Amino acid sequence: MEPVVVISILGGLIVLVLLMGAPLKPIRIVGQVFVKVLIGALFLFFLNAFGASFDLHLPINLVTSAISGLLGLPGLAALVLIDLLIVG
């Protein structure tokens, strides 16, 4: 094969990989955020289930699920502290 053909095929493959890889990354990030929000809702569910004996209840909505899911256990602790100290 001639070098021009090999370089053209490699260049076409590189362009194809760049075009196919670009749209997948934002979809992957949105999927990861969605999974973390679902995990946050699960954290809140268990907190409400076990916190009922301590008279602790946090609403499960998009904002609280996002905070507890994206920030993890420190975010959940912050929500509990806000509920106990500020909201009362």
Protein backbone atom coordinates (compact mmCIF):
# COMPACT_ATOMS: atom_id res chain seq x y z
CA MET A 1 0.00 0.00 0.00
CA GLU A 2 1.08 3.49 -0.63
CA PRO A 3 1.85 5.78 2.29
CA VAL A 4 -0.88 8.22 1.21
CA VAL A 5 -3.55 5.53 1.55
CA VAL A 6 -2.29 4.41 4.99
CA ILE A 7 -2.15 8.00 6.27
CA SER A 8 -5.63 8.68 4.87
CA ILE A 9 -7.07 5.59 6.59
CA LEU A 10 -5.40 6.47 9.92
CA GLY A 11 -6.57 10.08 9.64
CA GLY A 12 -10.13 8.91 8.92
CA LEU A 13 -10.05 6.58 11.91
CA ILE A 14 -8.81 9.38 14.17
CA VAL A 15 -11.58 11.71 12.98
CA LEU A 16 -14.15 8.93 13.47
CA VAL A 17 -12.98 8.26 17.02
CA LEU A 18 -13.01 11.98 17.83
CA LEU A 19 -16.54 12.39 16.47
CA MET A 20 -17.91 9.28 18.18
CA GLY A 21 -16.18 9.96 21.51
CA ALA A 22 -17.29 13.59 21.87
CA PRO A 23 -21.07 13.06 22.26
CA LEU A 24 -20.66 10.14 24.65
CA LYS A 25 -18.83 12.07 27.38
CA PRO A 26 -21.68 14.49 28.29
CA ILE A 27 -24.16 11.62 28.30
CA ARG A 28 -21.87 9.67 30.63
CA ILE A 29 -21.57 12.65 33.00
CA VAL A 30 -25.36 13.15 33.08
CA GLY A 31 -25.79 9.44 33.78
CA GLN A 32 -23.32 9.54 36.65
CA VAL A 33 -25.05 12.56 38.20
CA PHE A 34 -28.43 10.81 37.84
CA VAL A 35 -27.10 7.72 39.62
CA LYS A 36 -25.63 9.85 42.43
CA VAL A 37 -28.97 11.63 42.92
CA LEU A 38 -30.68 8.24 43.16
CA ILE A 39 -28.12 7.13 45.74
CA GLY A 40 -28.80 10.35 47.65
CA ALA A 41 -32.52 9.55 47.68
CA LEU A 42 -31.66 6.11 49.02
CA PHE A 43 -29.52 7.71 51.77
CA LEU A 44 -32.46 9.93 52.71
CA PHE A 45 -34.84 6.98 52.74
CA PHE A 46 -32.63 5.04 55.17
CA LEU A 47 -32.12 8.15 57.29
CA ASN A 48 -35.88 8.65 57.53
CA ALA A 49 -36.44 4.96 58.29
CA PHE A 50 -33.86 4.85 61.09
CA GLY A 51 -34.34 8.45 62.20
CA ALA A 52 -38.03 7.97 62.94
CA SER A 53 -37.17 6.76 66.43
CA PHE A 54 -35.21 9.99 67.01
CA ASP A 55 -37.98 12.20 65.56
CA LEU A 56 -35.82 13.05 62.53
CA HIS A 57 -37.36 13.46 59.10
CA LEU A 58 -35.88 15.01 55.97
CA PRO A 59 -38.01 15.38 52.86
CA ILE A 60 -36.95 13.38 49.83
CA ASN A 61 -36.96 15.78 46.89
CA LEU A 62 -34.61 16.68 44.08
CA VAL A 63 -32.65 19.27 46.06
CA THR A 64 -32.04 17.16 49.15
CA SER A 65 -31.32 14.08 47.04
CA ALA A 66 -28.80 16.02 44.96
CA ILE A 67 -27.08 17.43 48.04
CA SER A 68 -26.82 14.07 49.78
CA GLY A 69 -25.90 12.23 46.58
CA LEU A 70 -23.30 14.60 45.18
CA LEU A 71 -21.71 15.50 48.53
CA GLY A 72 -22.09 12.05 50.09
CA LEU A 73 -22.24 11.50 53.82
CA PRO A 74 -20.91 14.99 54.69
CA GLY A 75 -23.78 16.47 52.68
CA LEU A 76 -26.25 14.25 54.51
CA ALA A 77 -24.76 15.31 57.84
CA ALA A 78 -25.04 18.95 56.79
CA LEU A 79 -28.72 18.44 55.93
CA VAL A 80 -29.32 16.85 59.34
CA LEU A 81 -27.53 19.71 61.12
CA ILE A 82 -29.51 22.29 59.14
CA ASP A 83 -32.71 20.51 60.06
CA LEU A 84 -31.84 20.24 63.74
CA LEU A 85 -30.18 23.60 64.37
CA ILE A 86 -31.72 26.04 61.91
CA VAL A 87 -35.14 24.72 60.96
CA GLY A 88 -35.75 23.43 64.46
